[in-house]
């Protein structure tokens, strides 16, 4: 993990002190709410339906146990005893009092955390593959790149007031687990096919929200040492030419769409040619300094397979199911990576209590080299677990209520906070997720269905990534009622695609039945062990539209 140096420490502390003064002036009336708004947003503080919400940055999703314990302390003392992990690998507190926010930020600074650039029209928290550094299909760990971008972009004087928010994701693997094609900039680390040199494929103009797009490749190969100058060129073009007259058309995806990929590429390359690369790009010794923080831990030399784990799985079907479903192969012999679901049946996706945070911190400290990851699908990961230790880890997770074996299954649902919390939402997301989770609570049935990614958003802003759900659910308001549109065929992987609507909007209480109907179509059309998304791509949307239409005809369209 990256560790703060003296500059980082001073930088974050100064920001806390600045915001403390701003909060004091808001509380004594020296600043109006309108004057205070841009100041709080620059520090990750939102005003939601019922209270303020504070968003904490978790760069590229990596935490240690000390940081998680501090988050647990904040949840217990300053919130309502829980935090909410988001689709940007961040954590949100939904109930802080304004007067307490500077104290919370001080506590975060004590453990090298902050809320800078988790809001506002700036470059947001950089996200990455949750299996970074352990996956066998990885060319290179993407987290050093994420840290380099974080340092370059933090309070960048030219890009602190962009036309709109800006999101960057990085993957170093063949299989995209970071959804790079639906970000403003997606970076894929790869090797040059002829020279073997490590560099980047640069994808621009992806994004979800009101107008979703899959990003376009504007550079097939960018040498690694030229990254910051090229990003600077992209950002200059966007900052100069992105629309500021209409916030709904201000994202870089709209600019790319309106002028075309080739024209956008030409403008970026022209800007890039004007830049003095050595003054913008990080020196090689700085790149190496950052990379050293992400060196692999001190693994033991172990057999590829653990007899201890094999015997334990044979004697404990529950453990066996957990390892089969939530385990991920580790590149180091004798180790395994474990996804820890924050989606218990009927629970709130992404929520974690302060007690669970403390228990999980203890597990990570003891069994995973003091490291844990946040995923963009609102789960956590123990990246480095000895196979011999898995039975003990499972027992500890089970005691903490964190042993649900549903990673990637139909109950592993993404859901934004929706109308229960968010001032922008037009419908509820959480109750819909809970109802679907309860519908598919039977473990044997859920496993038989295989991978089905359901993603739910409570408004058109798409914080639940519904556009790229195998099944997407969008909640809207229609004639004073909550109305839900269902899409099928979305995919956030390297084969990224946007889902298409299968019929008219329906009432919330009809959504679980609609999902059941779509699953029935899948099972009827499925060939062998085909995944849901593969069946959709092979069979097309028509069978799913027919199944949905038949369901609506049975239950009746909303009044």
Protein backbone atom coordinates (compact mmCIF):
# COMPACT_ATOMS: atom_id res chain seq x y z
CA UNK A 1 0.00 0.00 0.00
CA UNK A 2 1.02 3.59 -0.59
CA UNK A 3 2.15 5.47 2.52
CA UNK A 4 1.92 9.23 2.97
CA UNK A 5 5.12 11.23 2.88
CA UNK A 6 5.55 14.62 4.58
CA UNK A 7 3.94 16.43 1.66
CA UNK A 8 0.87 14.17 1.70
CA UNK A 9 0.46 14.63 5.45
CA UNK A 10 0.74 18.42 5.27
CA UNK A 11 -1.51 18.58 2.22
CA UNK A 12 -4.36 16.69 3.91
CA UNK A 13 -4.03 18.45 7.28
CA UNK A 14 -4.10 21.86 5.62
CA UNK A 15 -7.26 20.90 3.77
CA UNK A 16 -8.91 19.79 7.03
CA UNK A 17 -8.02 23.08 8.70
CA UNK A 18 -9.36 25.07 5.77
CA UNK A 19 -12.65 23.19 5.86
CA UNK A 20 -12.93 23.56 9.64
CA UNK A 21 -12.90 27.32 9.17
CA UNK A 22 -15.48 27.08 6.40
CA UNK A 23 -17.80 24.95 8.56
CA UNK A 24 -17.47 27.41 11.46
CA UNK A 25 -18.45 30.27 9.15
CA UNK A 26 -21.44 28.32 7.86
CA UNK A 27 -22.60 27.52 11.39
CA UNK A 28 -22.34 31.14 12.55
CA UNK A 29 -24.11 32.41 9.44
CA UNK A 30 -21.11 34.12 7.85
CA UNK A 31 -21.56 31.87 4.82
CA UNK A 32 -24.93 31.26 3.22
CA UNK A 33 -25.91 27.77 2.13
CA UNK A 34 -25.31 28.73 -1.50
CA UNK A 35 -21.84 30.07 -0.64
CA UNK A 36 -21.02 26.99 1.40
CA UNK A 37 -22.21 24.45 -1.18
CA UNK A 38 -19.19 24.53 -3.55
CA UNK A 39 -16.84 24.44 -0.54
CA UNK A 40 -18.45 21.36 1.02
CA UNK A 41 -18.69 19.57 -2.30
CA UNK A 42 -14.95 20.00 -2.80
CA UNK A 43 -14.61 18.08 0.47
CA UNK A 44 -17.00 15.24 -0.30
CA UNK A 45 -19.89 16.56 1.79
CA UNK A 46 -23.36 16.30 0.26
CA UNK A 47 -26.73 17.40 1.60
CA UNK A 48 -29.10 14.47 1.13
CA UNK A 49 -32.80 14.00 1.87
CA UNK A 50 -32.52 13.72 5.64
CA UNK A 51 -28.96 14.66 6.57
CA UNK A 52 -25.50 15.39 5.28
CA UNK A 53 -23.59 12.55 3.61
CA UNK A 54 -19.80 12.34 3.73
CA UNK A 55 -17.95 10.38 1.04
CA UNK A 56 -14.48 9.07 1.92
CA UNK A 57 -11.97 8.29 -0.81
CA UNK A 58 -10.50 4.79 -1.00
CA UNK A 59 -7.97 5.17 -3.84
CA UNK A 60 -8.02 2.13 -6.14
CA UNK A 61 -10.04 0.34 -3.44
CA UNK A 62 -7.14 -0.56 -1.12
CA UNK A 63 -7.34 -0.30 2.70
CA UNK A 64 -5.52 -1.65 5.73
CA UNK A 65 -6.93 -2.81 9.04
CA UNK A 66 -6.01 0.39 10.90
CA UNK A 67 -7.98 2.44 8.39
CA UNK A 68 -11.01 0.15 8.58
CA UNK A 69 -10.97 0.31 12.38
CA UNK A 70 -10.95 4.09 12.17
CA UNK A 71 -13.94 3.97 9.83
CA UNK A 72 -15.67 1.72 12.37
CA UNK A 73 -14.93 4.26 15.13
CA UNK A 74 -16.37 7.09 13.03
CA UNK A 75 -19.47 5.02 12.24
CA UNK A 76 -20.01 4.30 15.93
CA UNK A 77 -19.36 7.79 17.30
CA UNK A 78 -20.48 10.13 14.54
CA UNK A 79 -22.99 8.15 12.47
CA UNK A 80 -25.60 5.45 13.13
CA UNK A 81 -23.24 2.53 13.47
CA UNK A 82 -22.61 1.63 9.84
CA UNK A 83 -21.04 2.76 6.58
CA UNK A 84 -22.01 2.20 2.97
CA UNK A 85 -19.50 1.00 0.36
CA UNK A 86 -20.16 2.41 -3.12
CA UNK A 87 -19.61 1.54 -6.77
CA UNK A 88 -16.56 3.84 -6.86
CA UNK A 89 -14.79 1.79 -4.19
CA UNK A 90 -15.50 4.58 -1.68
CA UNK A 91 -17.31 4.58 1.65
CA UNK A 92 -20.16 6.91 2.61
CA UNK A 93 -21.50 7.96 5.98
CA UNK A 94 -25.13 8.95 5.69
CA UNK A 95 -25.81 10.70 9.01
CA UNK A 96 -22.92 12.96 10.12
CA UNK A 97 -23.74 16.30 11.75
CA UNK A 98 -22.16 19.30 10.07
CA UNK A 99 -20.42 20.44 13.25
CA UNK A 100 -18.71 17.03 13.52
CA UNK A 101 -17.36 16.80 9.97
CA UNK A 102 -14.00 18.53 10.66
CA UNK A 103 -13.40 16.15 13.59
CA UNK A 104 -14.20 13.20 11.29
CA UNK A 105 -11.76 14.53 8.71
CA UNK A 106 -9.06 14.84 11.39
CA UNK A 107 -9.63 11.20 12.33
CA UNK A 108 -9.36 10.23 8.67
CA UNK A 109 -6.12 12.16 8.31
CA UNK A 110 -4.73 10.24 11.30
CA UNK A 111 -4.88 7.07 9.17
CA UNK A 112 -3.89 8.59 5.80
CA UNK A 113 -7.42 9.04 4.46
CA UNK A 114 -9.42 12.02 3.21
CA UNK A 115 -12.52 13.14 1.29
CA UNK A 116 -10.79 15.30 -1.31
CA UNK A 117 -12.22 15.10 -4.84
CA UNK A 118 -14.95 12.62 -3.95
CA UNK A 119 -17.38 15.23 -5.24
CA UNK A 120 -17.47 18.26 -7.50
CA UNK A 121 -16.49 18.83 -11.12
CA UNK A 122 -13.02 17.39 -10.81
CA UNK A 123 -11.16 14.12 -11.34
CA UNK A 124 -12.75 11.73 -8.85
CA UNK A 125 -11.39 8.72 -6.95
CA UNK A 126 -9.41 6.50 -9.35
CA UNK A 127 -10.69 2.92 -9.34
CA UNK A 128 -9.01 -0.37 -10.24
CA UNK A 129 -9.41 -4.13 -10.41
CA UNK A 130 -10.12 -5.51 -6.93
CA UNK A 131 -7.81 -8.46 -7.71
CA UNK A 132 -4.89 -6.21 -8.61
CA UNK A 133 -1.54 -7.81 -7.85
CA UNK A 134 -2.91 -11.34 -7.42
CA UNK A 135 -4.65 -12.24 -10.69
CA UNK A 136 -2.89 -14.66 -13.04
CA UNK A 137 -4.20 -12.83 -16.13
CA UNK A 138 -2.56 -9.57 -15.08
CA UNK A 139 0.18 -7.87 -17.10
CA UNK A 140 0.97 -5.48 -14.27
CA UNK A 141 -0.56 -4.31 -11.00
CA UNK A 142 -2.70 -1.25 -11.92
CA UNK A 143 -2.54 0.35 -8.48
CA UNK A 144 0.80 2.16 -8.97
CA UNK A 145 -0.78 3.75 -12.04
CA UNK A 146 -3.82 4.65 -9.94
CA UNK A 147 -1.58 6.26 -7.30
CA UNK A 148 0.38 8.17 -9.94
CA UNK A 149 -2.89 9.55 -11.36
CA UNK A 150 -4.11 10.42 -7.85
CA UNK A 151 -1.02 12.47 -7.13
CA UNK A 152 -1.10 14.17 -10.54
CA UNK A 153 -4.80 15.02 -10.39
CA UNK A 154 -5.19 16.12 -6.77
CA UNK A 155 -6.00 19.83 -6.85
CA UNK A 156 -4.57 20.09 -10.35
CA UNK A 157 -4.82 23.84 -11.02
CA UNK A 158 -6.17 23.41 -14.55
CA UNK A 159 -8.66 20.63 -13.82
CA UNK A 160 -10.29 21.62 -10.53
CA UNK A 161 -13.32 23.22 -12.23
CA UNK A 162 -14.12 20.95 -15.17
CA UNK A 163 -17.37 21.13 -17.13
CA UNK A 164 -18.52 18.07 -15.15
CA UNK A 165 -17.19 15.31 -12.87
CA UNK A 166 -14.55 13.03 -14.38
CA UNK A 167 -13.90 9.37 -13.61
CA UNK A 168 -10.84 7.23 -14.42
CA UNK A 169 -10.44 3.46 -14.04
CA UNK A 170 -7.39 1.26 -14.58
CA UNK A 171 -7.03 -2.47 -15.18
CA UNK A 172 -3.90 -4.52 -15.73
CA UNK A 173 -5.66 -7.75 -16.63
CA UNK A 174 -6.96 -9.47 -19.71
CA UNK A 175 -10.40 -9.79 -18.12
CA UNK A 176 -11.77 -6.36 -17.25
CA UNK A 177 -12.98 -6.29 -13.65
CA UNK A 178 -12.77 -2.49 -13.38
CA UNK A 179 -15.38 -1.55 -16.01
CA UNK A 180 -12.87 0.64 -17.85
CA UNK A 181 -15.07 0.96 -20.95
CA UNK A 182 -17.77 2.88 -19.09
CA UNK A 183 -15.50 5.54 -17.59
CA UNK A 184 -14.55 8.98 -18.87
CA UNK A 185 -11.06 7.54 -19.29
CA UNK A 186 -10.34 3.84 -19.09
CA UNK A 187 -6.76 2.57 -19.09
CA UNK A 188 -5.85 -1.01 -19.89
CA UNK A 189 -2.26 -2.03 -19.19
CA UNK A 190 -0.92 -4.29 -21.93
CA UNK A 191 2.23 -5.37 -23.70
CA UNK A 192 3.11 -4.13 -27.16
CA UNK A 193 2.49 -7.07 -29.52
CA UNK A 194 5.87 -6.67 -31.22
CA UNK A 195 8.30 -5.25 -28.64
CA UNK A 196 6.78 -6.57 -25.42
CA UNK A 197 7.01 -3.08 -23.90
CA UNK A 198 4.43 -2.34 -21.20
CA UNK A 199 2.07 0.52 -21.94
CA UNK A 200 -1.59 1.53 -22.03
CA UNK A 201 -4.60 1.23 -24.25
CA UNK A 202 -6.45 4.53 -23.76
CA UNK A 203 -10.26 4.51 -23.88
CA UNK A 204 -12.23 7.77 -23.67
CA UNK A 205 -15.88 8.74 -23.62
CA UNK A 206 -17.51 5.93 -21.72
CA UNK A 207 -20.08 6.59 -19.05
CA UNK A 208 -23.57 5.81 -17.82
CA UNK A 209 -26.15 8.24 -16.44
CA UNK A 210 -28.73 10.00 -18.56
CA UNK A 211 -26.89 9.29 -21.84
CA UNK A 212 -24.87 6.06 -21.64
CA UNK A 213 -21.97 5.27 -23.95
CA UNK A 214 -19.32 2.59 -24.25
CA UNK A 215 -15.91 4.28 -24.48
CA UNK A 216 -13.83 4.47 -27.66
CA UNK A 217 -10.15 3.59 -28.04
CA UNK A 218 -8.13 6.69 -28.99
CA UNK A 219 -4.67 5.16 -28.49
CA UNK A 220 -3.96 1.47 -29.08
CA UNK A 221 -0.62 1.73 -27.30
CA UNK A 222 0.79 4.53 -25.18
CA UNK A 223 4.29 4.01 -23.72
CA UNK A 224 4.12 3.82 -19.97
CA UNK A 225 6.36 6.82 -19.31
CA UNK A 226 4.15 9.12 -21.41
CA UNK A 227 0.95 8.59 -19.42
CA UNK A 228 0.58 11.89 -17.56
CA UNK A 229 1.28 14.07 -20.60
CA UNK A 230 -1.29 12.15 -22.62
CA UNK A 231 -3.87 12.41 -19.84
CA UNK A 232 -3.08 16.12 -19.64
CA UNK A 233 -3.80 16.45 -23.35
CA UNK A 234 -7.15 14.64 -23.02
CA UNK A 235 -8.14 16.80 -20.07
CA UNK A 236 -7.13 20.04 -21.84
CA UNK A 237 -9.29 19.21 -24.83
CA UNK A 238 -12.23 18.35 -22.59
CA UNK A 239 -11.78 21.34 -20.30
CA UNK A 240 -11.60 23.73 -23.24
CA UNK A 241 -14.35 22.23 -25.39
CA UNK A 242 -16.71 20.39 -23.05
CA UNK A 243 -20.09 22.08 -22.74
CA UNK A 244 -20.77 24.28 -19.74
CA UNK A 245 -24.20 25.56 -20.78
CA UNK A 246 -26.04 22.30 -20.02
CA UNK A 247 -24.89 19.98 -17.22
CA UNK A 248 -26.71 17.07 -18.84
CA UNK A 249 -24.48 17.39 -21.91
CA UNK A 250 -21.25 18.35 -20.16
CA UNK A 251 -19.49 14.98 -19.80
CA UNK A 252 -16.60 14.10 -22.11
CA UNK A 253 -18.70 11.28 -23.59
CA UNK A 254 -20.99 13.90 -25.15
CA UNK A 255 -18.04 15.76 -26.65
CA UNK A 256 -16.65 12.54 -28.14
CA UNK A 257 -20.07 11.62 -29.48
CA UNK A 258 -20.79 15.04 -30.99
CA UNK A 259 -17.47 15.59 -32.77
CA UNK A 260 -16.71 11.92 -33.41
CA UNK A 261 -13.97 9.64 -32.16
CA UNK A 262 -11.51 10.46 -34.95
CA UNK A 263 -11.84 14.22 -34.51
CA UNK A 264 -11.48 13.91 -30.76
CA UNK A 265 -8.38 11.75 -31.21
CA UNK A 266 -6.86 14.31 -33.59
CA UNK A 267 -7.46 17.16 -31.15
CA UNK A 268 -5.89 15.20 -28.32
CA UNK A 269 -2.87 14.27 -30.42
CA UNK A 270 -2.46 17.90 -31.51
CA UNK A 271 -2.57 19.06 -27.88
CA UNK A 272 -0.19 16.28 -26.89
CA UNK A 273 2.32 17.45 -29.51
CA UNK A 274 2.36 20.90 -27.88
CA UNK A 275 3.21 19.58 -24.43
CA UNK A 276 6.74 19.30 -23.12
CA UNK A 277 6.58 15.66 -22.03
CA UNK A 278 9.50 15.69 -19.56
CA UNK A 279 7.96 18.55 -17.58
CA UNK A 280 4.59 16.78 -17.28
CA UNK A 281 5.43 13.09 -17.05
CA UNK A 282 6.67 11.68 -13.76
CA UNK A 283 10.41 10.97 -13.58
CA UNK A 284 11.32 7.30 -13.74
CA UNK A 285 12.63 7.31 -10.17
CA UNK A 286 9.27 8.65 -8.94
CA UNK A 287 7.40 5.92 -10.83
CA UNK A 288 9.71 3.36 -9.27
CA UNK A 289 9.26 4.91 -5.81
CA UNK A 290 5.48 4.58 -6.06
CA UNK A 291 5.71 1.03 -7.44
CA UNK A 292 7.79 -0.09 -4.45
CA UNK A 293 4.86 0.59 -2.14
CA UNK A 294 2.91 -2.09 -4.00
CA UNK A 295 5.53 -4.83 -3.85
CA UNK A 296 4.05 -8.29 -3.10
CA UNK A 297 3.94 -9.26 0.57
CA UNK A 298 6.34 -11.80 2.09
CA UNK A 299 4.61 -14.96 0.90
CA UNK A 300 5.59 -18.32 2.32
CA UNK A 301 6.73 -21.10 0.03
CA UNK A 302 3.76 -23.47 0.04
CA UNK A 303 2.43 -26.41 -1.99
CA UNK A 304 0.01 -25.39 -4.76
CA UNK A 305 -2.89 -27.14 -3.01
CA UNK A 306 -3.61 -27.31 0.72
CA UNK A 307 -4.47 -30.72 2.15
CA UNK A 308 -5.81 -28.93 5.22
CA UNK A 309 -8.31 -26.98 3.13
CA UNK A 310 -9.22 -30.00 0.99
CA UNK A 311 -10.07 -32.06 4.07
CA UNK A 312 -12.01 -29.21 5.68
CA UNK A 313 -14.08 -28.68 2.54
CA UNK A 314 -14.85 -32.38 2.33
CA UNK A 315 -16.22 -32.31 5.87
CA UNK A 316 -18.07 -28.97 5.72
CA UNK A 317 -20.45 -28.38 2.78
CA UNK A 318 -20.99 -24.76 3.86
CA UNK A 319 -17.28 -24.04 3.72
CA UNK A 320 -17.02 -25.85 0.40
CA UNK A 321 -19.79 -23.68 -1.10
CA UNK A 322 -18.13 -20.52 0.20
CA UNK A 323 -14.74 -21.36 -1.32
CA UNK A 324 -16.30 -22.49 -4.61
CA UNK A 325 -18.36 -19.33 -4.98
CA UNK A 326 -16.28 -16.61 -3.33
CA UNK A 327 -12.76 -17.91 -3.95
CA UNK A 328 -10.52 -16.51 -6.69
CA UNK A 329 -7.27 -18.18 -7.81
CA UNK A 330 -4.13 -16.50 -6.51
CA UNK A 331 -0.99 -16.36 -8.62
CA UNK A 332 1.10 -17.38 -5.60
CA UNK A 333 1.04 -21.16 -4.92
CA UNK A 334 -0.71 -22.07 -1.68
CA UNK A 335 -2.73 -18.82 -1.46
CA UNK A 336 -6.26 -17.84 -2.40
CA UNK A 337 -8.19 -14.58 -2.73
CA UNK A 338 -11.61 -14.40 -1.06
CA UNK A 339 -14.49 -12.10 -1.94
CA UNK A 340 -16.51 -11.20 1.15
CA UNK A 341 -20.06 -10.41 0.21
CA UNK A 342 -21.81 -7.39 1.69
CA UNK A 343 -25.08 -8.75 0.27
CA UNK A 344 -26.64 -11.01 2.91
CA UNK A 345 -30.02 -12.34 1.86
CA UNK A 346 -32.54 -9.57 2.42
CA UNK A 347 -29.84 -7.12 3.52
CA UNK A 348 -28.88 -3.66 2.26
CA UNK A 349 -26.25 -3.98 -0.50
CA UNK A 350 -22.93 -2.41 0.51
CA UNK A 351 -23.77 -1.69 4.16
CA UNK A 352 -21.38 -2.77 6.92
CA UNK A 353 -21.79 -2.23 10.65
CA UNK A 354 -19.05 -0.87 12.88
CA UNK A 355 -18.83 -4.27 14.62
CA UNK A 356 -18.40 -6.01 11.28
CA UNK A 357 -15.73 -3.51 10.25
CA UNK A 358 -13.74 -4.24 13.39
CA UNK A 359 -14.11 -8.00 12.96
CA UNK A 360 -13.09 -7.78 9.32
CA UNK A 361 -10.10 -5.58 10.18
CA UNK A 362 -8.94 -8.26 12.62
CA UNK A 363 -9.29 -10.94 9.94
CA UNK A 364 -7.39 -8.91 7.34
CA UNK A 365 -4.63 -8.10 9.81
CA UNK A 366 -4.18 -11.72 10.88
CA UNK A 367 -4.78 -13.60 7.65
CA UNK A 368 -4.28 -11.24 4.66
CA UNK A 369 -1.06 -9.32 5.32
CA UNK A 370 -3.08 -6.45 6.80
CA UNK A 371 -4.67 -5.65 3.43
CA UNK A 372 -8.22 -5.57 2.12
CA UNK A 373 -9.90 -4.28 -1.00
CA UNK A 374 -13.21 -2.60 -1.83
CA UNK A 375 -14.84 -3.73 -5.08
CA UNK A 376 -16.88 -1.62 -7.48
CA UNK A 377 -19.73 -4.07 -6.94
CA UNK A 378 -19.98 -3.12 -3.24
CA UNK A 379 -18.18 -6.11 -1.73
CA UNK A 380 -14.83 -6.53 0.05
CA UNK A 381 -11.86 -8.73 -0.74
CA UNK A 382 -9.17 -10.48 1.30
CA UNK A 383 -6.43 -10.58 -1.34
CA UNK A 384 -3.75 -12.80 0.24
CA UNK A 385 -5.06 -15.71 2.32
CA UNK A 386 -3.09 -18.90 2.87
CA UNK A 387 -5.21 -21.83 1.78
CA UNK A 388 -4.40 -23.50 5.11
CA UNK A 389 -6.06 -20.55 6.89
CA UNK A 390 -9.32 -20.56 4.94
CA UNK A 391 -11.28 -22.67 7.47
CA UNK A 392 -10.33 -20.27 10.27
CA UNK A 393 -11.12 -17.24 8.10
CA UNK A 394 -14.50 -18.69 7.17
CA UNK A 395 -15.34 -19.34 10.82
CA UNK A 396 -14.44 -15.73 11.71
CA UNK A 397 -16.45 -14.36 8.81
CA UNK A 398 -19.41 -16.50 9.76
CA UNK A 399 -19.29 -15.24 13.33
CA UNK A 400 -19.37 -11.66 11.99
CA UNK A 401 -22.28 -12.32 9.61
CA UNK A 402 -20.01 -11.95 6.57
CA UNK A 403 -19.95 -15.47 5.13
CA UNK A 404 -22.67 -15.26 2.47
CA UNK A 405 -21.56 -17.45 -0.44
CA UNK A 406 -23.14 -15.49 -3.28
CA UNK A 407 -20.37 -13.57 -5.08
CA UNK A 408 -21.53 -13.08 -8.67
CA UNK A 409 -24.87 -14.79 -8.15
CA UNK A 410 -28.35 -13.38 -8.60
CA UNK A 411 -28.48 -12.14 -4.97
CA UNK A 412 -25.16 -10.27 -5.28
CA UNK A 413 -27.05 -7.13 -6.31
CA UNK A 414 -25.68 -3.62 -6.82
CA UNK A 415 -28.04 -0.93 -5.55
CA UNK A 416 -27.59 2.79 -5.04
CA UNK A 417 -29.06 4.36 -1.86
CA UNK A 418 -32.09 5.53 -3.86
CA UNK A 419 -35.02 7.44 -2.46
CA UNK A 420 -34.32 6.24 1.08
CA UNK A 421 -31.38 8.67 1.22
CA UNK A 422 -30.60 10.52 -2.00
CA UNK A 423 -32.05 13.93 -2.84
CA UNK A 424 -31.68 13.21 -6.57
CA UNK A 425 -33.45 9.85 -6.52
CA UNK A 426 -36.91 9.36 -8.02
CA UNK A 427 -37.55 5.85 -6.70
CA UNK A 428 -36.34 3.42 -4.07
CA UNK A 429 -33.55 0.96 -4.81
CA UNK A 430 -32.84 -0.78 -1.52
CA UNK A 431 -36.28 -2.37 -0.96
CA UNK A 432 -36.30 -3.65 -4.55
CA UNK A 433 -32.90 -5.28 -4.00
CA UNK A 434 -34.09 -6.83 -0.75
CA UNK A 435 -37.23 -8.24 -2.36
CA UNK A 436 -35.26 -9.83 -5.22
CA UNK A 437 -32.69 -11.19 -2.78
CA UNK A 438 -35.41 -12.84 -0.71
CA UNK A 439 -37.03 -14.26 -3.85
CA UNK A 440 -33.82 -16.10 -4.76
CA UNK A 441 -32.79 -16.96 -1.20
CA UNK A 442 -32.53 -20.68 -1.90
CA UNK A 443 -28.78 -21.30 -2.22
CA UNK A 444 -29.07 -24.39 -4.40
CA UNK A 445 -31.29 -22.63 -6.90
CA UNK A 446 -29.13 -19.51 -6.95
CA UNK A 447 -26.00 -21.57 -7.65
CA UNK A 448 -27.81 -23.51 -10.39
CA UNK A 449 -28.64 -20.22 -12.12
CA UNK A 450 -24.97 -19.24 -12.20
CA UNK A 451 -23.68 -15.72 -12.73
CA UNK A 452 -26.43 -13.11 -13.09
CA UNK A 453 -25.53 -9.49 -12.41
CA UNK A 454 -28.49 -7.39 -11.30
CA UNK A 455 -27.87 -3.65 -10.90
CA UNK A 456 -30.42 -1.14 -9.61
CA UNK A 457 -30.46 2.67 -9.86
CA UNK A 458 -32.98 4.93 -8.19
CA UNK A 459 -32.71 7.66 -10.83
CA UNK A 460 -31.36 8.44 -14.27
CA UNK A 461 -27.91 9.29 -12.86
CA UNK A 462 -27.24 5.53 -12.79
CA UNK A 463 -25.14 5.28 -9.61
CA UNK A 464 -26.24 1.63 -9.48
CA UNK A 465 -24.78 1.01 -12.98
CA UNK A 466 -28.07 -0.44 -14.24
CA UNK A 467 -27.10 0.13 -17.89
CA UNK A 468 -24.39 -2.54 -17.64
CA UNK A 469 -26.30 -5.04 -15.51
CA UNK A 470 -27.10 -8.37 -17.11
CA UNK A 471 -30.48 -7.30 -15.76
CA UNK A 472 -30.76 -3.58 -15.09
CA UNK A 473 -33.48 -1.86 -13.09
CA UNK A 474 -34.06 1.90 -13.28
CA UNK A 475 -36.47 3.53 -10.86
CA UNK A 476 -38.28 6.64 -12.04
CA UNK A 477 -41.29 8.71 -11.04
CA UNK A 478 -44.36 8.43 -13.26
CA UNK A 479 -47.62 10.19 -12.46
CA UNK A 480 -46.75 10.34 -8.79
CA UNK A 481 -45.81 6.64 -8.58
CA UNK A 482 -42.51 4.83 -8.51
CA UNK A 483 -42.06 3.16 -11.87
CA UNK A 484 -39.32 0.72 -12.84
CA UNK A 485 -37.83 0.09 -16.28
CA UNK A 486 -36.14 -3.27 -16.87
CA UNK A 487 -33.21 -3.73 -19.25
CA UNK A 488 -31.44 -6.91 -20.33
CA UNK A 489 -28.04 -7.52 -21.92
CA UNK A 490 -25.77 -5.02 -20.18
CA UNK A 491 -22.15 -6.01 -19.59
CA UNK A 492 -19.33 -4.10 -17.83
CA UNK A 493 -16.53 -6.47 -18.87
CA UNK A 494 -14.08 -6.30 -21.77
CA UNK A 495 -17.11 -7.13 -23.97
CA UNK A 496 -18.96 -4.09 -22.66
CA UNK A 497 -22.53 -3.50 -23.82
CA UNK A 498 -25.52 -1.46 -22.72
CA UNK A 499 -28.76 -3.18 -21.77
CA UNK A 500 -31.96 -2.67 -23.75
CA UNK A 501 -35.47 -2.25 -22.38
CA UNK A 502 -37.68 -5.31 -22.56
CA UNK A 503 -41.01 -3.52 -22.14
CA UNK A 504 -42.95 -0.81 -20.33
CA UNK A 505 -42.23 0.38 -16.81
CA UNK A 506 -43.87 -1.49 -13.94
CA UNK A 507 -44.70 -0.93 -10.29
CA UNK A 508 -42.18 -1.81 -7.61
CA UNK A 509 -44.17 -4.74 -6.26
CA UNK A 510 -44.14 -6.26 -9.77
CA UNK A 511 -40.34 -6.13 -10.16
CA UNK A 512 -39.47 -9.41 -8.39
CA UNK A 513 -42.00 -11.28 -10.52
CA UNK A 514 -40.58 -9.68 -13.65
CA UNK A 515 -37.08 -10.81 -12.71
CA UNK A 516 -38.44 -14.31 -12.08
CA UNK A 517 -40.01 -14.27 -15.55
CA UNK A 518 -36.72 -13.24 -17.18
CA UNK A 519 -34.86 -15.96 -15.29
CA UNK A 520 -37.44 -18.49 -16.50
CA UNK A 521 -36.72 -17.44 -20.09
CA UNK A 522 -33.01 -17.81 -19.44
CA UNK A 523 -33.42 -21.33 -18.10
CA UNK A 524 -35.57 -22.28 -21.08
CA UNK A 525 -33.08 -20.84 -23.60
CA UNK A 526 -29.86 -21.79 -21.80
CA UNK A 527 -27.45 -24.22 -23.42
CA UNK A 528 -25.30 -26.26 -21.05
CA UNK A 529 -23.70 -24.13 -18.32
CA UNK A 530 -24.10 -20.91 -20.30
CA UNK A 531 -24.12 -17.71 -18.25
CA UNK A 532 -27.15 -15.43 -18.42
CA UNK A 533 -25.31 -12.78 -20.45
CA UNK A 534 -24.01 -15.38 -22.90
CA UNK A 535 -27.52 -16.71 -23.43
CA UNK A 536 -28.78 -13.18 -24.10
CA UNK A 537 -26.01 -12.52 -26.63
CA UNK A 538 -26.62 -15.80 -28.40
CA UNK A 539 -30.43 -15.96 -28.33
CA UNK A 540 -31.07 -12.23 -28.63
CA UNK A 541 -33.50 -10.04 -26.71
CA UNK A 542 -36.70 -11.22 -28.31
CA UNK A 543 -37.36 -14.23 -26.04
CA UNK A 544 -36.82 -12.01 -22.99
CA UNK A 545 -39.13 -9.33 -24.34
CA UNK A 546 -41.78 -11.97 -24.94
CA UNK A 547 -41.38 -13.39 -21.45
CA UNK A 548 -41.60 -9.93 -19.89
CA UNK A 549 -44.65 -9.01 -22.00
CA UNK A 550 -46.40 -12.20 -20.97
CA UNK A 551 -45.70 -11.43 -17.32
CA UNK A 552 -47.05 -7.87 -17.60
CA UNK A 553 -50.16 -9.21 -19.33
CA UNK A 554 -50.76 -11.59 -16.40
CA UNK A 555 -50.35 -8.99 -13.64
CA UNK A 556 -51.64 -5.95 -15.54
CA UNK A 557 -49.81 -2.72 -16.37
CA UNK A 558 -49.62 -0.03 -13.67
CA UNK A 559 -52.61 2.32 -13.50
